Amino acid sequence: MTRQVEAVYENGALRPMEPLSLTEHQRVTITISDTPVLTDRSRLDVEYIERARKEVVAMARIPSLEEVQQRLSKIPGSMTEEFIAEREDR
């Protein structure tokens, strides 16, 4: 069985962040990666970006920046308050 588990290195030992279904003294193979662990929010961001990339690849024609700006300019109101509120949530 292969499973990915977060752990913390403390006092010379790795401490898993969740219970493991292992028997006492069971030998396992560990692969260590010090890349940052994705939070739930950043994981959703990555999924969104990947989905957007797939949609762009599937498009027959990609709109120009000017076309996008023109379409966005037709949306009434301002999204500035929403952006500020979102930044304050972090």
N, C-alpha and C. Protein backbone atom coordinates (compact mmCIF):
# COMPACT_ATOMS: atom_id res chain seq x y z
N MET A 1 0.84 -1.17 0.00
CA MET A 1 0.00 0.00 0.00
C MET A 1 0.89 1.24 0.00
N THR A 2 0.56 2.22 -0.82
CA THR A 2 1.27 3.48 -0.86
C THR A 2 0.34 4.58 -0.39
N ARG A 3 0.85 5.47 0.44
CA ARG A 3 0.03 6.53 1.01
C ARG A 3 0.91 7.74 1.27
N GLN A 4 0.37 8.92 1.06
CA GLN A 4 1.11 10.15 1.32
C GLN A 4 0.60 10.75 2.62
N VAL A 5 1.53 11.04 3.55
CA VAL A 5 1.17 11.56 4.86
C VAL A 5 2.11 12.72 5.20
N GLU A 6 1.56 13.78 5.76
CA GLU A 6 2.40 14.88 6.22
C GLU A 6 3.04 14.50 7.54
N ALA A 7 4.25 15.00 7.77
CA ALA A 7 4.95 14.73 9.01
C ALA A 7 5.77 15.95 9.40
N VAL A 8 6.13 16.03 10.67
CA VAL A 8 6.97 17.11 11.18
C VAL A 8 8.24 16.47 11.72
N TYR A 9 9.37 17.11 11.43
CA TYR A 9 10.66 16.63 11.94
C TYR A 9 10.91 17.30 13.29
N GLU A 10 10.93 16.53 14.36
CA GLU A 10 11.13 17.06 15.70
C GLU A 10 12.10 16.17 16.48
N ASN A 11 13.09 16.80 17.10
CA ASN A 11 14.03 16.08 17.97
C ASN A 11 14.63 14.85 17.29
N GLY A 12 14.95 14.98 16.00
CA GLY A 12 15.62 13.91 15.29
C GLY A 12 14.71 12.81 14.77
N ALA A 13 13.40 12.99 14.87
CA ALA A 13 12.47 11.96 14.40
C ALA A 13 11.34 12.60 13.61
N LEU A 14 10.79 11.83 12.68
CA LEU A 14 9.63 12.29 11.93
C LEU A 14 8.37 11.91 12.69
N ARG A 15 7.49 12.88 12.90
CA ARG A 15 6.22 12.64 13.60
C ARG A 15 5.09 12.83 12.61
N PRO A 16 4.34 11.77 12.28
CA PRO A 16 3.23 11.90 11.34
C PRO A 16 2.15 12.81 11.91
N MET A 17 1.47 13.55 11.02
CA MET A 17 0.42 14.48 11.44
C MET A 17 -0.94 13.81 11.57
N GLU A 18 -1.01 12.53 11.29
CA GLU A 18 -2.26 11.77 11.44
C GLU A 18 -1.91 10.34 11.82
N PRO A 19 -2.84 9.63 12.43
CA PRO A 19 -2.56 8.24 12.84
C PRO A 19 -2.25 7.35 11.64
N LEU A 20 -1.36 6.41 11.85
CA LEU A 20 -0.99 5.46 10.79
C LEU A 20 -1.42 4.06 11.22
N SER A 21 -1.92 3.30 10.29
CA SER A 21 -2.33 1.93 10.60
C SER A 21 -1.14 0.99 10.37
N LEU A 22 -0.14 1.14 11.22
CA LEU A 22 1.07 0.31 11.15
C LEU A 22 1.21 -0.46 12.46
N THR A 23 1.85 -1.61 12.38
CA THR A 23 2.13 -2.36 13.59
C THR A 23 3.45 -1.89 14.19
N GLU A 24 3.60 -2.08 15.48
CA GLU A 24 4.82 -1.67 16.17
C GLU A 24 6.04 -2.34 15.53
N HIS A 25 7.07 -1.57 15.25
CA HIS A 25 8.34 -2.00 14.64
C HIS A 25 8.20 -2.42 13.18
N GLN A 26 7.08 -2.11 12.55
CA GLN A 26 6.91 -2.42 11.12
C GLN A 26 7.85 -1.54 10.31
N ARG A 27 8.52 -2.13 9.35
CA ARG A 27 9.43 -1.37 8.48
C ARG A 27 8.65 -0.79 7.31
N VAL A 28 8.96 0.45 6.97
CA VAL A 28 8.32 1.14 5.85
C VAL A 28 9.40 1.88 5.07
N THR A 29 9.09 2.27 3.85
CA THR A 29 9.98 3.09 3.04
C THR A 29 9.41 4.50 3.03
N ILE A 30 10.28 5.48 3.28
CA ILE A 30 9.84 6.87 3.34
C ILE A 30 10.50 7.66 2.22
N THR A 31 9.70 8.44 1.50
CA THR A 31 10.20 9.38 0.51
C THR A 31 9.97 10.77 1.09
N ILE A 32 11.02 11.56 1.17
CA ILE A 32 10.90 12.89 1.79
C ILE A 32 10.92 13.96 0.72
N SER A 33 9.96 14.87 0.81
CA SER A 33 9.88 16.02 -0.07
C SER A 33 9.67 17.25 0.81
N ASP A 34 10.53 18.24 0.67
CA ASP A 34 10.37 19.44 1.49
C ASP A 34 9.62 20.55 0.75
N THR A 35 8.87 20.17 -0.28
CA THR A 35 8.04 21.16 -0.96
C THR A 35 6.87 21.52 -0.07
N PRO A 36 6.39 22.76 -0.15
CA PRO A 36 5.29 23.18 0.72
C PRO A 36 4.04 22.33 0.51
N VAL A 37 3.38 22.05 1.59
CA VAL A 37 2.15 21.28 1.55
C VAL A 37 1.02 22.22 1.17
N LEU A 38 0.17 21.80 0.26
CA LEU A 38 -0.95 22.63 -0.17
C LEU A 38 -2.05 22.64 0.89
N THR A 39 -2.55 23.82 1.18
CA THR A 39 -3.71 23.93 2.05
C THR A 39 -4.94 23.59 1.22
N ASP A 40 -6.08 23.45 1.87
CA ASP A 40 -7.32 23.18 1.13
C ASP A 40 -7.57 24.28 0.12
N ARG A 41 -7.35 25.54 0.53
CA ARG A 41 -7.61 26.67 -0.37
C ARG A 41 -6.64 26.66 -1.56
N SER A 42 -5.34 26.44 -1.28
CA SER A 42 -4.38 26.44 -2.39
C SER A 42 -4.59 25.23 -3.29
N ARG A 43 -5.06 24.13 -2.73
CA ARG A 43 -5.37 22.95 -3.55
C ARG A 43 -6.51 23.28 -4.51
N LEU A 44 -7.52 24.00 -4.01
CA LEU A 44 -8.63 24.42 -4.87
C LEU A 44 -8.13 25.36 -5.96
N ASP A 45 -7.19 26.26 -5.60
CA ASP A 45 -6.63 27.18 -6.59
C ASP A 45 -5.91 26.40 -7.69
N VAL A 46 -5.13 25.40 -7.31
CA VAL A 46 -4.41 24.59 -8.29
C VAL A 46 -5.39 23.85 -9.19
N GLU A 47 -6.44 23.28 -8.61
CA GLU A 47 -7.45 22.57 -9.40
C GLU A 47 -8.13 23.52 -10.38
N TYR A 48 -8.43 24.74 -9.93
CA TYR A 48 -9.07 25.73 -10.79
C TYR A 48 -8.17 26.10 -11.97
N ILE A 49 -6.90 26.31 -11.68
CA ILE A 49 -5.95 26.69 -12.73
C ILE A 49 -5.79 25.55 -13.74
N GLU A 50 -5.70 24.33 -13.25
CA GLU A 50 -5.57 23.18 -14.16
C GLU A 50 -6.81 23.04 -15.04
N ARG A 51 -7.99 23.24 -14.45
CA ARG A 51 -9.23 23.16 -15.23
C ARG A 51 -9.26 24.26 -16.28
N ALA A 52 -8.83 25.47 -15.90
CA ALA A 52 -8.80 26.60 -16.85
C ALA A 52 -7.82 26.31 -17.99
N ARG A 53 -6.66 25.73 -17.66
CA ARG A 53 -5.68 25.39 -18.71
C ARG A 53 -6.27 24.40 -19.70
N LYS A 54 -6.98 23.40 -19.21
CA LYS A 54 -7.59 22.41 -20.10
C LYS A 54 -8.64 23.06 -21.00
N GLU A 55 -9.41 24.00 -20.42
CA GLU A 55 -10.43 24.69 -21.22
C GLU A 55 -9.78 25.53 -22.32
N VAL A 56 -8.67 26.19 -22.00
CA VAL A 56 -7.97 27.02 -23.00
C VAL A 56 -7.43 26.15 -24.12
N VAL A 57 -6.85 25.00 -23.76
CA VAL A 57 -6.31 24.09 -24.78
C VAL A 57 -7.42 23.59 -25.70
N ALA A 58 -8.61 23.38 -25.13
CA ALA A 58 -9.72 22.85 -25.92
C ALA A 58 -10.40 23.92 -26.78
N MET A 59 -10.09 25.18 -26.55
CA MET A 59 -10.75 26.25 -27.30
C MET A 59 -10.27 26.28 -28.75
N ALA A 60 -11.20 26.52 -29.65
CA ALA A 60 -10.85 26.63 -31.07
C ALA A 60 -10.09 27.93 -31.33
N ARG A 61 -10.47 28.97 -30.62
CA ARG A 61 -9.84 30.26 -30.80
C ARG A 61 -9.76 30.96 -29.45
N ILE A 62 -8.59 31.46 -29.10
CA ILE A 62 -8.41 32.16 -27.83
C ILE A 62 -8.64 33.64 -28.07
N PRO A 63 -9.52 34.28 -27.26
CA PRO A 63 -9.79 35.70 -27.46
C PRO A 63 -8.56 36.55 -27.11
N SER A 64 -8.45 37.69 -27.77
CA SER A 64 -7.34 38.60 -27.50
C SER A 64 -7.59 39.32 -26.18
N LEU A 65 -6.58 39.94 -25.64
CA LEU A 65 -6.70 40.71 -24.41
C LEU A 65 -7.73 41.83 -24.57
N GLU A 66 -7.71 42.46 -25.73
CA GLU A 66 -8.66 43.54 -26.00
C GLU A 66 -10.10 43.03 -25.97
N GLU A 67 -10.33 41.85 -26.55
CA GLU A 67 -11.67 41.27 -26.54
C GLU A 67 -12.13 40.97 -25.11
N VAL A 68 -11.24 40.46 -24.32
CA VAL A 68 -11.58 40.15 -22.93
C VAL A 68 -11.90 41.45 -22.18
N GLN A 69 -11.05 42.47 -22.35
CA GLN A 69 -11.29 43.75 -21.68
C GLN A 69 -12.62 44.35 -22.11
N GLN A 70 -12.93 44.24 -23.38
CA GLN A 70 -14.18 44.79 -23.90
C GLN A 70 -15.38 44.09 -23.26
N ARG A 71 -15.32 42.78 -23.16
CA ARG A 71 -16.42 42.03 -22.55
C ARG A 71 -16.53 42.33 -21.06
N LEU A 72 -15.39 42.41 -20.37
CA LEU A 72 -15.42 42.71 -18.94
C LEU A 72 -15.95 44.11 -18.66
N SER A 73 -15.68 45.03 -19.57
CA SER A 73 -16.14 46.41 -19.35
C SER A 73 -17.66 46.53 -19.39
N LYS A 74 -18.33 45.55 -19.94
CA LYS A 74 -19.79 45.57 -20.02
C LYS A 74 -20.46 45.10 -18.72
N ILE A 75 -19.66 44.58 -17.78
CA ILE A 75 -20.21 44.13 -16.50
C ILE A 75 -20.45 45.36 -15.63
N PRO A 76 -21.68 45.56 -15.18
CA PRO A 76 -21.97 46.76 -14.39
C PRO A 76 -21.33 46.72 -13.00
N GLY A 77 -21.04 47.89 -12.45
CA GLY A 77 -20.49 47.98 -11.10
C GLY A 77 -19.00 47.76 -11.07
N SER A 78 -18.48 47.62 -9.85
CA SER A 78 -17.04 47.44 -9.65
C SER A 78 -16.80 46.22 -8.78
N MET A 79 -15.76 45.49 -9.09
CA MET A 79 -15.42 44.33 -8.29
C MET A 79 -14.34 44.66 -7.26
N THR A 80 -13.93 45.92 -7.19
CA THR A 80 -12.85 46.33 -6.28
C THR A 80 -13.14 45.93 -4.85
N GLU A 81 -14.37 46.20 -4.37
CA GLU A 81 -14.71 45.87 -2.99
C GLU A 81 -14.59 44.37 -2.72
N GLU A 82 -14.97 43.57 -3.70
CA GLU A 82 -14.87 42.11 -3.54
C GLU A 82 -13.42 41.67 -3.44
N PHE A 83 -12.54 42.27 -4.25
CA PHE A 83 -11.12 41.92 -4.18
C PHE A 83 -10.53 42.31 -2.83
N ILE A 84 -10.88 43.49 -2.35
CA ILE A 84 -10.37 43.95 -1.06
C ILE A 84 -10.86 43.03 0.05
N ALA A 85 -12.13 42.67 0.04
CA ALA A 85 -12.68 41.78 1.05
C ALA A 85 -11.98 40.41 1.02
N GLU A 86 -11.71 39.91 -0.16
CA GLU A 86 -11.04 38.62 -0.28
C GLU A 86 -9.62 38.69 0.28
N ARG A 87 -8.92 39.76 0.04
CA ARG A 87 -7.56 39.92 0.58
C ARG A 87 -7.58 39.98 2.10
N GLU A 88 -8.60 40.61 2.66
CA GLU A 88 -8.69 40.72 4.12
C GLU A 88 -9.00 39.38 4.77
N ASP A 89 -9.59 38.44 4.02
CA ASP A 89 -9.90 37.12 4.54
C ASP A 89 -8.65 36.28 4.75
N ARG A 90 -7.61 36.57 4.06
CA ARG A 90 -6.39 35.73 4.13
C ARG A 90 -5.59 36.00 5.36
